[in-house]
Every structure is written in structure tokens, then in C-alpha cells.
Amino acid sequence: MRAVVLYDWGWVRAMQRPPHGVKLVIEAVCIMRSIKPKKVAGEKPGTKVDDYWEPGKSLLQDPGKFLEGLFKFDKENIPDSVIKLVQPYIDNEEFQPANIAKVSKACTSICQWVRAMHVYHFVAKGVEPKRKALQEAQEDLAVTQLILDDANEKLAQVEEGIATLQAKYHDCLAKRDELDNKCQLCENRLVRADKVRERAMGTKLLHCLLFAVLDWVSV
């Protein structure tokens, strides 16, 4: 649209009796931009009709600003009421870029823009539920991830506690085995000492008997 020549805009603004195709385009863009029409006398006496030509021409006073407004148009939030008003233009065969091109190159670009915004509105409406569903899924995933992280942290603490208990258990087994070995060593020593004692007692008793016999013989 930026390639549209400026003299074409000037030619459109200068029209006193614009072709029907040009009027359709100006009306449609005013509706999309929420520009209110001017009330003018209708064909029947005492009646008033909407006229977008004068408000539309004021939009074209600064072509650069007008084009910038189209590019920055909030296409994400087009009211349904606006779409309803512009729908008859979309359905009108005369409101086709090929037909508008016969009267104005500049208006052809605007016609394409209006149609593009109309299509985008319905595409966005179809996509929005999917966007919300995706956002909800991402939020649920984030909550689940927090729960999982907390569970993993607790599991790590439990595993650490188990590892500590296992280490203590192995230490206790080692101490038990050490004490058991010491006890066995002591028991073995006691057995040997008892045998030595028994031998010593036996030798002492033998000596006593021998002395007794010798004393008796000597008498």
C-alpha cells in the first residue's frame, strides 16, 4: 500500500461526484475506522441518510498519516458490530479489488485492506479459543512442574536420609563384627588360661601327693 502514488489520493479527494466504487471504499474504510457519517438530506423530503464522503475525504487530507493509521490499526480487537456493518460491502460484488481498480488504484488498496481485516477478524476468532486452551495448558503444566519439583526435592531428601541410615547400619555391622571378634579372642584366651590353670592345679596336686608319700615313708 505504501507504493500508492500520492496524486491518486489527490484525485480521489478532489472528486465532487465520486464513482460508486470509490464511495463504497470510502464508506467501508470509515466503518472499519469507526468514523461517524454525516447526516445529509435524503431523496425523500424530510429524511436524513448517512453520508461518509465528507468524513472520508477528511481522512485523506494527510495521505501519509492515513496510511500509517491503516498499518497500525488494532486488528486484534475489531468489534463484532463493525464487522456486521461492513459485511454488506464484503458481500457486494462491486466491492471487489478488480472492480475498484477500474476507477482508482488507491481505492483498490483500501478495498484489499478492508477485506483483509474482515478475514483476519474471523481467523482470529477461530484461533482465540485455541490460544486460550494453549495458555491454560501451559499454566497447568507450570503448576504440575512445581509439584513435580517439590516431590523430587522431597524424594532427594528421603534418598539422602536412606543413604545416611545405610551408612550408619554398615558402621554398626562393622562395630558388631569387631566386638564379636574381640569377644571371641577373649573367650579363646579364657579357654587357654583355664587349661593352663588346670595343668597347674594338676601339677600342684601331684607335688602335694608326692610330698605326702615321702613323709609317710620316712616315718
C-alpha atoms as a PDB file:
ATOM      1  CA  MET A   1       0.000   0.000   0.000  1.00  0.00           C
ATOM      2  CA  ARG A   2       2.907   2.391   0.567  1.00  0.00           C
ATOM      3  CA  ALA A   3       3.604   2.267  -3.155  1.00  0.00           C
ATOM      4  CA  VAL A   4       0.342   4.028  -3.965  1.00  0.00           C
ATOM      5  CA  VAL A   5       1.128   7.271  -5.788  1.00  0.00           C
ATOM      6  CA  LEU A   6       0.144  10.474  -3.998  1.00  0.00           C
ATOM      7  CA  TYR A   7      -1.525  12.052  -7.000  1.00  0.00           C
ATOM      8  CA  ASP A   8      -4.133   9.277  -6.927  1.00  0.00           C
ATOM      9  CA  TRP A   9      -5.095  10.327  -3.385  1.00  0.00           C
ATOM     10  CA  GLY A  10      -5.330  13.909  -4.532  1.00  0.00           C
ATOM     11  CA  TRP A  11      -7.521  12.846  -7.424  1.00  0.00           C
ATOM     12  CA  VAL A  12      -9.854  10.987  -5.043  1.00  0.00           C
ATOM     13  CA  ARG A  13     -10.096  13.960  -2.641  1.00  0.00           C
ATOM     14  CA  ALA A  14     -10.880  16.304  -5.488  1.00  0.00           C
ATOM     15  CA  MET A  15     -13.872  14.321  -6.698  1.00  0.00           C
ATOM     16  CA  GLN A  16     -17.162  16.139  -6.396  1.00  0.00           C
ATOM     17  CA  ARG A  17     -19.229  13.210  -7.625  1.00  0.00           C
ATOM     18  CA  PRO A  18     -17.132  10.108  -6.918  1.00  0.00           C
ATOM     19  CA  PRO A  19     -17.845   6.866  -8.781  1.00  0.00           C
ATOM     20  CA  HIS A  20     -19.914   4.301  -6.952  1.00  0.00           C
ATOM     21  CA  GLY A  21     -16.876   2.077  -6.383  1.00  0.00           C
ATOM     22  CA  VAL A  22     -14.949   4.905  -4.741  1.00  0.00           C
ATOM     23  CA  LYS A  23     -17.902   5.728  -2.481  1.00  0.00           C
ATOM     24  CA  LEU A  24     -18.146   2.081  -1.445  1.00  0.00           C
ATOM     25  CA  VAL A  25     -14.468   2.030  -0.471  1.00  0.00           C
ATOM     26  CA  ILE A  26     -14.650   5.279   1.493  1.00  0.00           C
ATOM     27  CA  GLU A  27     -17.764   4.095   3.307  1.00  0.00           C
ATOM     28  CA  ALA A  28     -16.178   0.744   4.183  1.00  0.00           C
ATOM     29  CA  VAL A  29     -12.934   2.250   5.494  1.00  0.00           C
ATOM     30  CA  CYS A  30     -14.853   4.801   7.565  1.00  0.00           C
ATOM     31  CA  ILE A  31     -16.900   1.992   9.120  1.00  0.00           C
ATOM     32  CA  MET A  32     -13.730  -0.010   9.886  1.00  0.00           C
ATOM     33  CA  ARG A  33     -12.116   3.076  11.433  1.00  0.00           C
ATOM     34  CA  SER A  34     -15.316   3.880  13.392  1.00  0.00           C
ATOM     35  CA  ILE A  35     -15.657   7.249  11.621  1.00  0.00           C
ATOM     36  CA  LYS A  36     -19.197   8.511  12.083  1.00  0.00           C
ATOM     37  CA  PRO A  37     -21.113   9.512   8.952  1.00  0.00           C
ATOM     38  CA  LYS A  38     -22.566  12.910   8.287  1.00  0.00           C
ATOM     39  CA  LYS A  39     -26.325  13.157   8.182  1.00  0.00           C
ATOM     40  CA  VAL A  40     -27.492  14.643   4.870  1.00  0.00           C
ATOM     41  CA  ALA A  41     -30.861  15.151   3.253  1.00  0.00           C
ATOM     42  CA  GLY A  42     -32.239  12.014   1.647  1.00  0.00           C
ATOM     43  CA  GLU A  43     -34.061  11.686  -1.630  1.00  0.00           C
ATOM     44  CA  LYS A  44     -37.369  11.905   0.129  1.00  0.00           C
ATOM     45  CA  PRO A  45     -38.260  15.252   1.670  1.00  0.00           C
ATOM     46  CA  GLY A  46     -37.635  15.409   5.395  1.00  0.00           C
ATOM     47  CA  THR A  47     -35.429  12.309   5.512  1.00  0.00           C
ATOM     48  CA  LYS A  48     -31.798  12.062   6.576  1.00  0.00           C
ATOM     49  CA  VAL A  49     -29.275   9.486   5.372  1.00  0.00           C
ATOM     50  CA  ASP A  50     -25.728   8.584   6.345  1.00  0.00           C
ATOM     51  CA  ASP A  51     -23.043  10.087   4.154  1.00  0.00           C
ATOM     52  CA  TYR A  52     -19.414   9.048   4.548  1.00  0.00           C
ATOM     53  CA  TRP A  53     -17.976  11.056   1.696  1.00  0.00           C
ATOM     54  CA  GLU A  54     -17.171  14.269   3.564  1.00  0.00           C
ATOM     55  CA  PRO A  55     -15.797  12.482   6.706  1.00  0.00           C
ATOM     56  CA  GLY A  56     -13.893  10.138   4.384  1.00  0.00           C
ATOM     57  CA  LYS A  57     -12.263  12.977   2.462  1.00  0.00           C
ATOM     58  CA  SER A  58     -11.027  14.456   5.743  1.00  0.00           C
ATOM     59  CA  LEU A  59      -9.147  11.202   6.352  1.00  0.00           C
ATOM     60  CA  LEU A  60      -7.285  11.727   3.088  1.00  0.00           C
ATOM     61  CA  GLN A  61      -6.048  15.227   3.921  1.00  0.00           C
ATOM     62  CA  ASP A  62      -2.761  13.685   5.088  1.00  0.00           C
ATOM     63  CA  PRO A  63      -2.162  10.526   2.980  1.00  0.00           C
ATOM     64  CA  GLY A  64       0.918   9.542   4.974  1.00  0.00           C
ATOM     65  CA  LYS A  65      -0.935   9.743   8.277  1.00  0.00           C
ATOM     66  CA  PHE A  66      -3.902   7.921   6.784  1.00  0.00           C
ATOM     67  CA  LEU A  67      -1.725   5.037   5.565  1.00  0.00           C
ATOM     68  CA  GLU A  68       0.089   4.882   8.912  1.00  0.00           C
ATOM     69  CA  GLY A  69      -3.284   4.589  10.633  1.00  0.00           C
ATOM     70  CA  LEU A  70      -4.174   1.620   8.436  1.00  0.00           C
ATOM     71  CA  PHE A  71      -0.887  -0.128   9.203  1.00  0.00           C
ATOM     72  CA  LYS A  72      -1.257   0.475  12.960  1.00  0.00           C
ATOM     73  CA  PHE A  73      -4.937  -0.468  13.009  1.00  0.00           C
ATOM     74  CA  ASP A  74      -5.859  -2.637  16.034  1.00  0.00           C
ATOM     75  CA  LYS A  75      -6.881  -5.717  14.060  1.00  0.00           C
ATOM     76  CA  GLU A  76      -6.920  -7.866  17.205  1.00  0.00           C
ATOM     77  CA  ASN A  77      -9.958  -6.063  18.659  1.00  0.00           C
ATOM     78  CA  ILE A  78     -12.344  -5.292  15.814  1.00  0.00           C
ATOM     79  CA  PRO A  79     -15.849  -5.070  17.352  1.00  0.00           C
ATOM     80  CA  ASP A  80     -18.451  -7.503  16.055  1.00  0.00           C
ATOM     81  CA  SER A  81     -20.722  -4.524  15.461  1.00  0.00           C
ATOM     82  CA  VAL A  82     -18.202  -3.090  12.989  1.00  0.00           C
ATOM     83  CA  ILE A  83     -17.912  -6.418  11.180  1.00  0.00           C
ATOM     84  CA  LYS A  84     -21.698  -6.595  10.975  1.00  0.00           C
ATOM     85  CA  LEU A  85     -21.836  -3.142   9.384  1.00  0.00           C
ATOM     86  CA  VAL A  86     -19.081  -3.849   6.875  1.00  0.00           C
ATOM     87  CA  GLN A  87     -20.418  -7.303   5.934  1.00  0.00           C
ATOM     88  CA  PRO A  88     -22.768  -5.976   3.181  1.00  0.00           C
ATOM     89  CA  TYR A  89     -19.753  -4.391   1.481  1.00  0.00           C
ATOM     90  CA  ILE A  90     -17.827  -7.662   1.619  1.00  0.00           C
ATOM     91  CA  ASP A  91     -20.793  -9.445   0.044  1.00  0.00           C
ATOM     92  CA  ASN A  92     -21.168  -6.808  -2.663  1.00  0.00           C
ATOM     93  CA  GLU A  93     -19.705  -7.926  -5.989  1.00  0.00           C
ATOM     94  CA  GLU A  94     -18.937  -4.307  -6.822  1.00  0.00           C
ATOM     95  CA  PHE A  95     -16.674  -4.206  -3.742  1.00  0.00           C
ATOM     96  CA  GLN A  96     -14.054  -6.390  -5.369  1.00  0.00           C
ATOM     97  CA  PRO A  97     -10.456  -5.217  -5.920  1.00  0.00           C
ATOM     98  CA  ALA A  98     -10.712  -5.975  -9.644  1.00  0.00           C
ATOM     99  CA  ASN A  99     -13.793  -3.773  -9.986  1.00  0.00           C
ATOM    100  CA  ILE A 100     -12.424  -0.988  -7.776  1.00  0.00           C
ATOM    101  CA  ALA A 101      -9.181  -0.971  -9.801  1.00  0.00           C
ATOM    102  CA  LYS A 102     -11.136   0.275 -12.780  1.00  0.00           C
ATOM    103  CA  VAL A 103     -11.762   3.599 -11.038  1.00  0.00           C
ATOM    104  CA  SER A 104      -8.881   4.096  -8.542  1.00  0.00           C
ATOM    105  CA  LYS A 105      -5.577   2.431  -7.754  1.00  0.00           C
ATOM    106  CA  ALA A 106      -5.530   3.987  -4.289  1.00  0.00           C
ATOM    107  CA  CYS A 107      -9.053   2.801  -3.506  1.00  0.00           C
ATOM    108  CA  THR A 108      -8.108  -0.682  -4.699  1.00  0.00           C
ATOM    109  CA  SER A 109      -5.503  -0.890  -1.951  1.00  0.00           C
ATOM    110  CA  ILE A 110      -8.017   0.296   0.650  1.00  0.00           C
ATOM    111  CA  CYS A 111     -10.558  -2.247  -0.607  1.00  0.00           C
ATOM    112  CA  GLN A 112      -7.958  -5.002  -0.164  1.00  0.00           C
ATOM    113  CA  TRP A 113      -7.170  -3.721   3.320  1.00  0.00           C
ATOM    114  CA  VAL A 114     -10.843  -3.766   4.390  1.00  0.00           C
ATOM    115  CA  ARG A 115     -11.237  -7.314   3.080  1.00  0.00           C
ATOM    116  CA  ALA A 116      -8.025  -8.403   4.778  1.00  0.00           C
ATOM    117  CA  MET A 117      -9.189  -7.019   8.156  1.00  0.00           C
ATOM    118  CA  HIS A 118     -12.555  -8.758   7.700  1.00  0.00           C
ATOM    119  CA  VAL A 119     -10.854 -12.111   7.037  1.00  0.00           C
ATOM    120  CA  TYR A 120      -8.408 -11.618   9.907  1.00  0.00           C
ATOM    121  CA  HIS A 121     -11.269 -10.983  12.333  1.00  0.00           C
ATOM    122  CA  PHE A 122     -12.821 -14.400  11.706  1.00  0.00           C
ATOM    123  CA  VAL A 123      -9.480 -16.180  11.601  1.00  0.00           C
ATOM    124  CA  ALA A 124      -8.553 -14.593  14.940  1.00  0.00           C
ATOM    125  CA  LYS A 125     -11.903 -15.609  16.448  1.00  0.00           C
ATOM    126  CA  GLY A 126     -11.223 -19.205  15.416  1.00  0.00           C
ATOM    127  CA  VAL A 127      -7.690 -19.108  16.771  1.00  0.00           C
ATOM    128  CA  GLU A 128      -8.505 -17.372  20.073  1.00  0.00           C
ATOM    129  CA  PRO A 129     -10.084 -20.442  21.769  1.00  0.00           C
ATOM    130  CA  LYS A 130      -7.000 -22.438  20.798  1.00  0.00           C
ATOM    131  CA  ARG A 131      -4.770 -19.702  22.211  1.00  0.00           C
ATOM    132  CA  LYS A 132      -6.696 -19.754  25.485  1.00  0.00           C
ATOM    133  CA  ALA A 133      -6.564 -23.552  25.609  1.00  0.00           C
ATOM    134  CA  LEU A 134      -2.817 -23.428  24.998  1.00  0.00           C
ATOM    135  CA  GLN A 135      -2.356 -20.805  27.724  1.00  0.00           C
ATOM    136  CA  GLU A 136      -4.399 -22.878  30.182  1.00  0.00           C
ATOM    137  CA  ALA A 137      -2.385 -25.976  29.284  1.00  0.00           C
ATOM    138  CA  GLN A 138       0.856 -24.066  29.814  1.00  0.00           C
ATOM    139  CA  GLU A 139      -0.389 -22.795  33.187  1.00  0.00           C
ATOM    140  CA  ASP A 140      -1.399 -26.330  34.225  1.00  0.00           C
ATOM    141  CA  LEU A 141       1.992 -27.583  33.088  1.00  0.00           C
ATOM    142  CA  ALA A 142       3.730 -24.923  35.167  1.00  0.00           C
ATOM    143  CA  VAL A 143       1.732 -25.904  38.274  1.00  0.00           C
ATOM    144  CA  THR A 144       2.424 -29.591  37.646  1.00  0.00           C
ATOM    145  CA  GLN A 145       6.110 -28.843  37.196  1.00  0.00           C
ATOM    146  CA  LEU A 146       6.199 -27.061  40.562  1.00  0.00           C
ATOM    147  CA  ILE A 147       4.551 -30.063  42.216  1.00  0.00           C
ATOM    148  CA  LEU A 148       6.990 -32.410  40.496  1.00  0.00           C
ATOM    149  CA  ASP A 149       9.966 -30.283  41.523  1.00  0.00           C
ATOM    150  CA  ASP A 150       8.743 -30.282  45.132  1.00  0.00           C
ATOM    151  CA  ALA A 151       8.235 -34.061  45.028  1.00  0.00           C
ATOM    152  CA  ASN A 152      11.698 -34.554  43.548  1.00  0.00           C
ATOM    153  CA  GLU A 153      13.203 -32.362  46.257  1.00  0.00           C
ATOM    154  CA  LYS A 154      11.451 -34.369  48.966  1.00  0.00           C
ATOM    155  CA  LEU A 155      12.482 -37.611  47.282  1.00  0.00           C
ATOM    156  CA  ALA A 156      16.099 -36.420  47.204  1.00  0.00           C
ATOM    157  CA  GLN A 157      15.881 -35.652  50.919  1.00  0.00           C
ATOM    158  CA  VAL A 158      14.427 -39.119  51.625  1.00  0.00           C
ATOM    159  CA  GLU A 159      17.102 -40.782  49.499  1.00  0.00           C
ATOM    160  CA  GLU A 160      19.746 -38.792  51.335  1.00  0.00           C
ATOM    161  CA  GLY A 161      18.259 -39.909  54.649  1.00  0.00           C
ATOM    162  CA  ILE A 162      18.212 -43.533  53.473  1.00  0.00           C
ATOM    163  CA  ALA A 163      21.839 -43.254  52.400  1.00  0.00           C
ATOM    164  CA  THR A 164      22.740 -41.872  55.851  1.00  0.00           C
ATOM    165  CA  LEU A 165      20.864 -44.693  57.586  1.00  0.00           C
ATOM    166  CA  GLN A 166      22.537 -47.263  55.367  1.00  0.00           C
ATOM    167  CA  ALA A 167      25.942 -45.817  56.214  1.00  0.00           C
ATOM    168  CA  LYS A 168      25.120 -45.968  59.939  1.00  0.00           C
ATOM    169  CA  TYR A 169      23.836 -49.511  59.520  1.00  0.00           C
ATOM    170  CA  HIS A 170      27.085 -50.610  57.859  1.00  0.00           C
ATOM    171  CA  ASP A 171      29.052 -48.858  60.618  1.00  0.00           C
ATOM    172  CA  CYS A 172      27.052 -50.757  63.226  1.00  0.00           C
ATOM    173  CA  LEU A 173      27.673 -54.038  61.423  1.00  0.00           C
ATOM    174  CA  ALA A 174      31.395 -53.292  61.334  1.00  0.00           C
ATOM    175  CA  LYS A 175      31.444 -52.457  65.051  1.00  0.00           C
ATOM    176  CA  ARG A 176      29.430 -55.595  65.849  1.00  0.00           C
ATOM    177  CA  ASP A 177      31.869 -57.733  63.878  1.00  0.00           C
ATOM    178  CA  GLU A 178      34.782 -56.018  65.607  1.00  0.00           C
ATOM    179  CA  LEU A 179      33.272 -56.604  69.039  1.00  0.00           C
ATOM    180  CA  ASP A 180      32.384 -60.163  68.113  1.00  0.00           C
ATOM    181  CA  ASN A 181      35.986 -60.799  67.095  1.00  0.00           C
ATOM    182  CA  LYS A 182      37.239 -59.265  70.337  1.00  0.00           C
ATOM    183  CA  CYS A 183      34.805 -61.372  72.346  1.00  0.00           C
ATOM    184  CA  GLN A 184      35.890 -64.488  70.517  1.00  0.00           C
ATOM    185  CA  LEU A 185      39.523 -63.604  71.142  1.00  0.00           C
ATOM    186  CA  CYS A 186      38.784 -63.115  74.849  1.00  0.00           C
ATOM    187  CA  GLU A 187      36.922 -66.420  75.032  1.00  0.00           C
ATOM    188  CA  ASN A 188      39.852 -68.194  73.383  1.00  0.00           C
ATOM    189  CA  ARG A 189      42.216 -66.605  75.855  1.00  0.00           C
ATOM    190  CA  LEU A 190      39.979 -67.661  78.730  1.00  0.00           C
ATOM    191  CA  VAL A 191      39.929 -71.230  77.460  1.00  0.00           C
ATOM    192  CA  ARG A 192      43.695 -71.296  77.172  1.00  0.00           C
ATOM    193  CA  ALA A 193      44.068 -69.722  80.612  1.00  0.00           C
ATOM    194  CA  ASP A 194      41.702 -72.295  82.088  1.00  0.00           C
ATOM    195  CA  LYS A 195      43.700 -75.109  80.556  1.00  0.00           C
ATOM    196  CA  VAL A 196      46.886 -73.643  81.938  1.00  0.00           C
ATOM    197  CA  ARG A 197      45.204 -73.348  85.323  1.00  0.00           C
ATOM    198  CA  GLU A 198      44.027 -76.917  85.184  1.00  0.00           C
ATOM    199  CA  ARG A 199      47.508 -78.111  84.292  1.00  0.00           C
ATOM    200  CA  ALA A 200      48.952 -76.015  87.041  1.00  0.00           C
ATOM    201  CA  MET A 201      46.450 -77.367  89.541  1.00  0.00           C
ATOM    202  CA  GLY A 202      47.183 -80.892  88.433  1.00  0.00           C
ATOM    203  CA  THR A 203      50.939 -80.418  88.842  1.00  0.00           C
ATOM    204  CA  LYS A 204      50.467 -78.844  92.251  1.00  0.00           C
ATOM    205  CA  LEU A 205      48.240 -81.693  93.402  1.00  0.00           C
ATOM    206  CA  LEU A 206      50.780 -84.214  92.194  1.00  0.00           C
ATOM    207  CA  HIS A 207      53.515 -82.485  94.097  1.00  0.00           C
ATOM    208  CA  CYS A 208      51.421 -82.480  97.246  1.00  0.00           C
ATOM    209  CA  LEU A 209      50.737 -86.196  96.979  1.00  0.00           C
ATOM    210  CA  LEU A 210      54.398 -86.887  96.328  1.00  0.00           C
ATOM    211  CA  PHE A 211      55.421 -84.951  99.419  1.00  0.00           C
ATOM    212  CA  ALA A 212      52.781 -86.756 101.443  1.00  0.00           C
ATOM    213  CA  VAL A 213      54.053 -90.158 100.334  1.00  0.00           C
ATOM    214  CA  LEU A 214      57.615 -89.183 101.069  1.00  0.00           C
ATOM    215  CA  ASP A 215      56.616 -88.024 104.542  1.00  0.00           C
ATOM    216  CA  TRP A 216      54.831 -91.273 105.230  1.00  0.00           C
ATOM    217  CA  VAL A 217      57.725 -93.399 104.035  1.00  0.00           C
ATOM    218  CA  SER A 218      60.147 -91.512 106.169  1.00  0.00           C
ATOM    219  CA  VAL A 219      58.122 -92.268 109.271  1.00  0.00           C
END
